[in-house]
Amino acid sequence: MHPPLEITRVSQSRVACDGAADIPGGAALGHPRVWLQIDEHGYVDCGYCDRRFVLIGGPADGKDQAQLPDISEGASL
């Protein structure tokens, strides 16, 4: 287990990630856009770039993210 590379707090449980949202030059430097669904754990990790999306007010919000296991969409604990 390692801490996520980047944590993004979001207000909706369905999010898109292309790995380049904050990179000048955009999607050409990222990865294919994927849609991720945050489940009952309150977070999901992108399988391409390891960005973690944490649902604001969800069970993982405010927790030490380094202590939570990686959860890619479709994975189970």
PDB file of N, CA and C in Angstrom:
ATOM      1  N   MET A   1       0.857  -1.169   0.000  1.00  0.00           N
ATOM      2  CA  MET A   1       0.000   0.000   0.000  1.00  0.00           C
ATOM      3  C   MET A   1       0.905   1.234   0.000  1.00  0.00           C
ATOM      4  N   HIS A   2       0.568   2.182  -0.804  1.00  0.00           N
ATOM      5  CA  HIS A   2       1.316   3.441  -0.877  1.00  0.00           C
ATOM      6  C   HIS A   2       0.328   4.590  -0.920  1.00  0.00           C
ATOM      7  N   PRO A   3       0.752   5.771  -0.515  1.00  0.00           N
ATOM      8  CA  PRO A   3      -0.177   6.897  -0.596  1.00  0.00           C
ATOM      9  C   PRO A   3      -0.500   7.218  -2.050  1.00  0.00           C
ATOM     10  N   PRO A   4      -1.740   7.635  -2.334  1.00  0.00           N
ATOM     11  CA  PRO A   4      -2.088   8.001  -3.717  1.00  0.00           C
ATOM     12  C   PRO A   4      -1.233   9.169  -4.187  1.00  0.00           C
ATOM     13  N   LEU A   5      -0.937   9.189  -5.482  1.00  0.00           N
ATOM     14  CA  LEU A   5      -0.107  10.242  -6.032  1.00  0.00           C
ATOM     15  C   LEU A   5      -0.784  11.603  -5.961  1.00  0.00           C
ATOM     16  N   GLU A   6      -2.068  11.614  -6.202  1.00  0.00           N
ATOM     17  CA  GLU A   6      -2.823  12.866  -6.172  1.00  0.00           C
ATOM     18  C   GLU A   6      -4.226  12.574  -5.677  1.00  0.00           C
ATOM     19  N   ILE A   7      -4.753  13.444  -4.846  1.00  0.00           N
ATOM     20  CA  ILE A   7      -6.098  13.272  -4.308  1.00  0.00           C
ATOM     21  C   ILE A   7      -6.960  14.436  -4.792  1.00  0.00           C
ATOM     22  N   THR A   8      -8.125  14.088  -5.343  1.00  0.00           N
ATOM     23  CA  THR A   8      -9.082  15.088  -5.809  1.00  0.00           C
ATOM     24  C   THR A   8     -10.387  14.859  -5.076  1.00  0.00           C
ATOM     25  N   ARG A   9     -10.849  15.855  -4.350  1.00  0.00           N
ATOM     26  CA  ARG A   9     -12.136  15.760  -3.666  1.00  0.00           C
ATOM     27  C   ARG A   9     -13.220  16.188  -4.646  1.00  0.00           C
ATOM     28  N   VAL A  10     -14.282  15.390  -4.738  1.00  0.00           N
ATOM     29  CA  VAL A  10     -15.351  15.641  -5.709  1.00  0.00           C
ATOM     30  C   VAL A  10     -16.710  15.615  -5.010  1.00  0.00           C
ATOM     31  N   SER A  11     -17.688  16.239  -5.652  1.00  0.00           N
ATOM     32  CA  SER A  11     -19.026  16.319  -5.069  1.00  0.00           C
ATOM     33  C   SER A  11     -20.005  15.324  -5.694  1.00  0.00           C
ATOM     34  N   GLN A  12     -19.585  14.605  -6.736  1.00  0.00           N
ATOM     35  CA  GLN A  12     -20.454  13.621  -7.384  1.00  0.00           C
ATOM     36  C   GLN A  12     -19.766  12.262  -7.388  1.00  0.00           C
ATOM     37  N   SER A  13     -20.556  11.202  -7.358  1.00  0.00           N
ATOM     38  CA  SER A  13     -19.977   9.861  -7.278  1.00  0.00           C
ATOM     39  C   SER A  13     -19.511   9.314  -8.629  1.00  0.00           C
ATOM     40  N   ARG A  14     -19.869   9.958  -9.720  1.00  0.00           N
ATOM     41  CA  ARG A  14     -19.382   9.542 -11.043  1.00  0.00           C
ATOM     42  C   ARG A  14     -18.430  10.624 -11.544  1.00  0.00           C
ATOM     43  N   VAL A  15     -17.191  10.224 -11.822  1.00  0.00           N
ATOM     44  CA  VAL A  15     -16.155  11.186 -12.223  1.00  0.00           C
ATOM     45  C   VAL A  15     -15.431  10.690 -13.462  1.00  0.00           C
ATOM     46  N   ALA A  16     -14.853  11.630 -14.206  1.00  0.00           N
ATOM     47  CA  ALA A  16     -14.046  11.301 -15.377  1.00  0.00           C
ATOM     48  C   ALA A  16     -12.596  11.638 -15.072  1.00  0.00           C
ATOM     49  N   CYS A  17     -11.682  10.820 -15.593  1.00  0.00           N
ATOM     50  CA  CYS A  17     -10.263  11.093 -15.433  1.00  0.00           C
ATOM     51  C   CYS A  17      -9.575  10.866 -16.775  1.00  0.00           C
ATOM     52  N   ASP A  18      -8.749  11.844 -17.175  1.00  0.00           N
ATOM     53  CA  ASP A  18      -7.941  11.680 -18.381  1.00  0.00           C
ATOM     54  C   ASP A  18      -6.456  11.867 -18.074  1.00  0.00           C
ATOM     55  N   GLY A  19      -6.146  12.017 -16.796  1.00  0.00           N
ATOM     56  CA  GLY A  19      -4.763  12.133 -16.367  1.00  0.00           C
ATOM     57  C   GLY A  19      -4.102  13.444 -16.707  1.00  0.00           C
ATOM     58  N   ALA A  20      -4.832  14.361 -17.319  1.00  0.00           N
ATOM     59  CA  ALA A  20      -4.209  15.597 -17.778  1.00  0.00           C
ATOM     60  C   ALA A  20      -5.011  16.836 -17.421  1.00  0.00           C
ATOM     61  N   ALA A  21      -5.916  16.730 -16.478  1.00  0.00           N
ATOM     62  CA  ALA A  21      -6.775  17.866 -16.156  1.00  0.00           C
ATOM     63  C   ALA A  21      -5.988  19.095 -15.735  1.00  0.00           C
ATOM     64  N   ASP A  22      -4.871  18.910 -15.074  1.00  0.00           N
ATOM     65  CA  ASP A  22      -4.091  20.041 -14.570  1.00  0.00           C
ATOM     66  C   ASP A  22      -2.792  20.246 -15.339  1.00  0.00           C
ATOM     67  N   ILE A  23      -2.623  19.548 -16.463  1.00  0.00           N
ATOM     68  CA  ILE A  23      -1.379  19.644 -17.223  1.00  0.00           C
ATOM     69  C   ILE A  23      -1.575  20.570 -18.421  1.00  0.00           C
ATOM     70  N   PRO A  24      -0.720  21.577 -18.585  1.00  0.00           N
ATOM     71  CA  PRO A  24      -0.800  22.385 -19.806  1.00  0.00           C
ATOM     72  C   PRO A  24      -0.560  21.495 -21.027  1.00  0.00           C
ATOM     73  N   GLY A  25      -1.371  21.623 -22.033  1.00  0.00           N
ATOM     74  CA  GLY A  25      -1.250  20.767 -23.204  1.00  0.00           C
ATOM     75  C   GLY A  25      -2.366  19.747 -23.267  1.00  0.00           C
ATOM     76  N   GLY A  26      -3.031  19.544 -22.124  1.00  0.00           N
ATOM     77  CA  GLY A  26      -4.233  18.734 -22.085  1.00  0.00           C
ATOM     78  C   GLY A  26      -4.061  17.254 -22.310  1.00  0.00           C
ATOM     79  N   ALA A  27      -5.098  16.657 -22.902  1.00  0.00           N
ATOM     80  CA  ALA A  27      -5.217  15.206 -22.999  1.00  0.00           C
ATOM     81  C   ALA A  27      -4.100  14.538 -23.786  1.00  0.00           C
ATOM     82  N   ALA A  28      -3.406  15.266 -24.635  1.00  0.00           N
ATOM     83  CA  ALA A  28      -2.309  14.650 -25.399  1.00  0.00           C
ATOM     84  C   ALA A  28      -1.215  14.138 -24.471  1.00  0.00           C
ATOM     85  N   LEU A  29      -1.141  14.669 -23.262  1.00  0.00           N
ATOM     86  CA  LEU A  29      -0.109  14.251 -22.319  1.00  0.00           C
ATOM     87  C   LEU A  29      -0.643  13.311 -21.241  1.00  0.00           C
ATOM     88  N   GLY A  30      -1.913  13.018 -21.261  1.00  0.00           N
ATOM     89  CA  GLY A  30      -2.528  12.196 -20.226  1.00  0.00           C
ATOM     90  C   GLY A  30      -2.733  10.763 -20.668  1.00  0.00           C
ATOM     91  N   HIS A  31      -3.930  10.236 -20.400  1.00  0.00           N
ATOM     92  CA  HIS A  31      -4.306   8.880 -20.786  1.00  0.00           C
ATOM     93  C   HIS A  31      -5.727   8.919 -21.335  1.00  0.00           C
ATOM     94  N   PRO A  32      -6.214   7.814 -21.900  1.00  0.00           N
ATOM     95  CA  PRO A  32      -7.597   7.823 -22.397  1.00  0.00           C
ATOM     96  C   PRO A  32      -8.571   8.192 -21.279  1.00  0.00           C
ATOM     97  N   ARG A  33      -9.596   8.967 -21.596  1.00  0.00           N
ATOM     98  CA  ARG A  33     -10.590   9.351 -20.590  1.00  0.00           C
ATOM     99  C   ARG A  33     -11.356   8.112 -20.141  1.00  0.00           C
ATOM    100  N   VAL A  34     -11.437   7.952 -18.837  1.00  0.00           N
ATOM    101  CA  VAL A  34     -12.211   6.866 -18.242  1.00  0.00           C
ATOM    102  C   VAL A  34     -13.211   7.469 -17.264  1.00  0.00           C
ATOM    103  N   TRP A  35     -14.340   6.816 -17.140  1.00  0.00           N
ATOM    104  CA  TRP A  35     -15.356   7.216 -16.167  1.00  0.00           C
ATOM    105  C   TRP A  35     -15.282   6.251 -14.997  1.00  0.00           C
ATOM    106  N   LEU A  36     -15.274   6.793 -13.790  1.00  0.00           N
ATOM    107  CA  LEU A  36     -15.136   6.006 -12.572  1.00  0.00           C
ATOM    108  C   LEU A  36     -16.344   6.238 -11.676  1.00  0.00           C
ATOM    109  N   GLN A  37     -16.743   5.213 -10.957  1.00  0.00           N
ATOM    110  CA  GLN A  37     -17.884   5.298 -10.049  1.00  0.00           C
ATOM    111  C   GLN A  37     -17.385   5.090  -8.621  1.00  0.00           C
ATOM    112  N   ILE A  38     -17.635   6.057  -7.761  1.00  0.00           N
ATOM    113  CA  ILE A  38     -17.274   5.938  -6.347  1.00  0.00           C
ATOM    114  C   ILE A  38     -18.349   5.100  -5.665  1.00  0.00           C
ATOM    115  N   ASP A  39     -17.928   4.069  -4.946  1.00  0.00           N
ATOM    116  CA  ASP A  39     -18.887   3.163  -4.307  1.00  0.00           C
ATOM    117  C   ASP A  39     -19.020   3.482  -2.815  1.00  0.00           C
ATOM    118  N   GLU A  40     -19.459   2.505  -2.048  1.00  0.00           N
ATOM    119  CA  GLU A  40     -19.738   2.711  -0.620  1.00  0.00           C
ATOM    120  C   GLU A  40     -18.489   3.016   0.208  1.00  0.00           C
ATOM    121  N   HIS A  41     -17.306   2.807  -0.356  1.00  0.00           N
ATOM    122  CA  HIS A  41     -16.071   3.128   0.365  1.00  0.00           C
ATOM    123  C   HIS A  41     -15.795   4.626   0.368  1.00  0.00           C
ATOM    124  N   GLY A  42     -16.418   5.350  -0.553  1.00  0.00           N
ATOM    125  CA  GLY A  42     -16.289   6.797  -0.590  1.00  0.00           C
ATOM    126  C   GLY A  42     -15.129   7.304  -1.424  1.00  0.00           C
ATOM    127  N   TYR A  43     -14.462   6.422  -2.156  1.00  0.00           N
ATOM    128  CA  TYR A  43     -13.369   6.845  -3.027  1.00  0.00           C
ATOM    129  C   TYR A  43     -13.114   5.786  -4.097  1.00  0.00           C
ATOM    130  N   VAL A  44     -12.398   6.203  -5.145  1.00  0.00           N
ATOM    131  CA  VAL A  44     -11.990   5.291  -6.206  1.00  0.00           C
ATOM    132  C   VAL A  44     -10.674   5.810  -6.773  1.00  0.00           C
ATOM    133  N   ASP A  45      -9.814   4.900  -7.228  1.00  0.00           N
ATOM    134  CA  ASP A  45      -8.524   5.245  -7.814  1.00  0.00           C
ATOM    135  C   ASP A  45      -8.559   4.999  -9.312  1.00  0.00           C
ATOM    136  N   CYS A  46      -7.967   5.910 -10.069  1.00  0.00           N
ATOM    137  CA  CYS A  46      -7.842   5.718 -11.510  1.00  0.00           C
ATOM    138  C   CYS A  46      -6.806   4.624 -11.764  1.00  0.00           C
ATOM    139  N   GLY A  47      -7.154   3.667 -12.579  1.00  0.00           N
ATOM    140  CA  GLY A  47      -6.245   2.570 -12.904  1.00  0.00           C
ATOM    141  C   GLY A  47      -5.072   2.984 -13.781  1.00  0.00           C
ATOM    142  N   TYR A  48      -5.170   4.132 -14.432  1.00  0.00           N
ATOM    143  CA  TYR A  48      -4.078   4.608 -15.287  1.00  0.00           C
ATOM    144  C   TYR A  48      -3.065   5.434 -14.503  1.00  0.00           C
ATOM    145  N   CYS A  49      -3.544   6.460 -13.810  1.00  0.00           N
ATOM    146  CA  CYS A  49      -2.620   7.437 -13.219  1.00  0.00           C
ATOM    147  C   CYS A  49      -2.589   7.415 -11.695  1.00  0.00           C
ATOM    148  N   ASP A  50      -3.377   6.572 -11.066  1.00  0.00           N
ATOM    149  CA  ASP A  50      -3.437   6.447  -9.608  1.00  0.00           C
ATOM    150  C   ASP A  50      -4.008   7.667  -8.896  1.00  0.00           C
ATOM    151  N   ARG A  51      -4.618   8.598  -9.626  1.00  0.00           N
ATOM    152  CA  ARG A  51      -5.289   9.725  -8.969  1.00  0.00           C
ATOM    153  C   ARG A  51      -6.451   9.161  -8.162  1.00  0.00           C
ATOM    154  N   ARG A  52      -6.596   9.621  -6.939  1.00  0.00           N
ATOM    155  CA  ARG A  52      -7.689   9.165  -6.087  1.00  0.00           C
ATOM    156  C   ARG A  52      -8.770  10.238  -6.045  1.00  0.00           C
ATOM    157  N   PHE A  53     -10.000   9.810  -6.258  1.00  0.00           N
ATOM    158  CA  PHE A  53     -11.160  10.684  -6.181  1.00  0.00           C
ATOM    159  C   PHE A  53     -11.915  10.341  -4.900  1.00  0.00           C
ATOM    160  N   VAL A  54     -12.051  11.318  -4.014  1.00  0.00           N
ATOM    161  CA  VAL A  54     -12.700  11.129  -2.718  1.00  0.00           C
ATOM    162  C   VAL A  54     -13.995  11.940  -2.708  1.00  0.00           C
ATOM    163  N   LEU A  55     -15.086  11.278  -2.381  1.00  0.00           N
ATOM    164  CA  LEU A  55     -16.392  11.927  -2.339  1.00  0.00           C
ATOM    165  C   LEU A  55     -16.478  12.814  -1.098  1.00  0.00           C
ATOM    166  N   ILE A  56     -16.748  14.097  -1.308  1.00  0.00           N
ATOM    167  CA  ILE A  56     -16.877  15.041  -0.200  1.00  0.00           C
ATOM    168  C   ILE A  56     -18.040  14.598   0.699  1.00  0.00           C
ATOM    169  N   GLY A  57     -17.759  14.467   1.987  1.00  0.00           N
ATOM    170  CA  GLY A  57     -18.774  14.031   2.941  1.00  0.00           C
ATOM    171  C   GLY A  57     -18.943  12.528   3.007  1.00  0.00           C
ATOM    172  N   GLY A  58     -18.218  11.784   2.176  1.00  0.00           N
ATOM    173  CA  GLY A  58     -18.296  10.321   2.170  1.00  0.00           C
ATOM    174  C   GLY A  58     -17.451   9.706   3.266  1.00  0.00           C
ATOM    175  N   PRO A  59     -17.484   8.366   3.391  1.00  0.00           N
ATOM    176  CA  PRO A  59     -16.775   7.689   4.467  1.00  0.00           C
ATOM    177  C   PRO A  59     -15.257   7.890   4.453  1.00  0.00           C
ATOM    178  N   ALA A  60     -14.658   8.181   3.306  1.00  0.00           N
ATOM    179  CA  ALA A  60     -13.201   8.344   3.228  1.00  0.00           C
ATOM    180  C   ALA A  60     -12.762   9.798   3.354  1.00  0.00           C
ATOM    181  N   ASP A  61     -13.713  10.724   3.321  1.00  0.00           N
ATOM    182  CA  ASP A  61     -13.378  12.145   3.404  1.00  0.00           C
ATOM    183  C   ASP A  61     -12.840  12.453   4.800  1.00  0.00           C
ATOM    184  N   GLY A  62     -11.678  13.060   4.859  1.00  0.00           N
ATOM    185  CA  GLY A  62     -11.074  13.403   6.134  1.00  0.00           C
ATOM    186  C   GLY A  62     -10.203  12.317   6.731  1.00  0.00           C
ATOM    187  N   LYS A  63     -10.158  11.144   6.118  1.00  0.00           N
ATOM    188  CA  LYS A  63      -9.314  10.044   6.601  1.00  0.00           C
ATOM    189  C   LYS A  63      -7.900  10.179   6.045  1.00  0.00           C
ATOM    190  N   ASP A  64      -6.956   9.512   6.683  1.00  0.00           N
ATOM    191  CA  ASP A  64      -5.584   9.453   6.190  1.00  0.00           C
ATOM    192  C   ASP A  64      -5.582   8.554   4.956  1.00  0.00           C
ATOM    193  N   GLN A  65      -5.468   9.146   3.778  1.00  0.00           N
ATOM    194  CA  GLN A  65      -5.563   8.398   2.524  1.00  0.00           C
ATOM    195  C   GLN A  65      -4.452   7.368   2.370  1.00  0.00           C
ATOM    196  N   ALA A  66      -3.315   7.579   2.987  1.00  0.00           N
ATOM    197  CA  ALA A  66      -2.213   6.626   2.901  1.00  0.00           C
ATOM    198  C   ALA A  66      -2.552   5.312   3.608  1.00  0.00           C
ATOM    199  N   GLN A  67      -3.531   5.336   4.507  1.00  0.00           N
ATOM    200  CA  GLN A  67      -3.915   4.136   5.249  1.00  0.00           C
ATOM    201  C   GLN A  67      -5.012   3.333   4.555  1.00  0.00           C
ATOM    202  N   LEU A  68      -5.604   3.888   3.493  1.00  0.00           N
ATOM    203  CA  LEU A  68      -6.687   3.200   2.782  1.00  0.00           C
ATOM    204  C   LEU A  68      -6.120   2.418   1.605  1.00  0.00           C
ATOM    205  N   PRO A  69      -6.641   1.213   1.354  1.00  0.00           N
ATOM    206  CA  PRO A  69      -6.139   0.419   0.223  1.00  0.00           C
ATOM    207  C   PRO A  69      -6.536   1.029  -1.103  1.00  0.00           C
ATOM    208  N   ASP A  70      -5.786   0.687  -2.149  1.00  0.00           N
ATOM    209  CA  ASP A  70      -6.126   1.124  -3.500  1.00  0.00           C
ATOM    210  C   ASP A  70      -7.422   0.453  -3.915  1.00  0.00           C
ATOM    211  N   ILE A  71      -8.327   1.227  -4.494  1.00  0.00           N
ATOM    212  CA  ILE A  71      -9.580   0.673  -5.026  1.00  0.00           C
ATOM    213  C   ILE A  71      -9.775   1.231  -6.419  1.00  0.00           C
ATOM    214  N   SER A  72      -9.558   0.378  -7.430  1.00  0.00           N
ATOM    215  CA  SER A  72      -9.903   0.740  -8.794  1.00  0.00           C
ATOM    216  C   SER A  72     -11.338   0.303  -9.014  1.00  0.00           C
ATOM    217  N   GLU A  73     -12.014   0.944  -9.945  1.00  0.00           N
ATOM    218  CA  GLU A  73     -13.411   0.600 -10.186  1.00  0.00           C
ATOM    219  C   GLU A  73     -13.536  -0.878 -10.482  1.00  0.00           C
ATOM    220  N   GLY A  74     -14.494  -1.521  -9.852  1.00  0.00           N
ATOM    221  CA  GLY A  74     -14.734  -2.947 -10.060  1.00  0.00           C
ATOM    222  C   GLY A  74     -13.958  -3.829  -9.098  1.00  0.00           C
ATOM    223  N   ALA A  75     -13.027  -3.258  -8.346  1.00  0.00           N
ATOM    224  CA  ALA A  75     -12.252  -4.046  -7.390  1.00  0.00           C
ATOM    225  C   ALA A  75     -13.049  -4.220  -6.115  1.00  0.00           C
ATOM    226  N   SER A  76     -12.724  -5.234  -5.361  1.00  0.00           N
ATOM    227  CA  SER A  76     -13.389  -5.440  -4.067  1.00  0.00           C
ATOM    228  C   SER A  76     -12.324  -5.573  -2.992  1.00  0.00           C
ATOM    229  N   LEU A  77     -12.707  -5.258  -1.772  1.00  0.00           N
ATOM    230  CA  LEU A  77     -11.765  -5.371  -0.646  1.00  0.00           C
ATOM    231  C   LEU A  77     -11.828  -6.728  -0.036  1.00  0.00           C
TER     232      LEU A  77
END
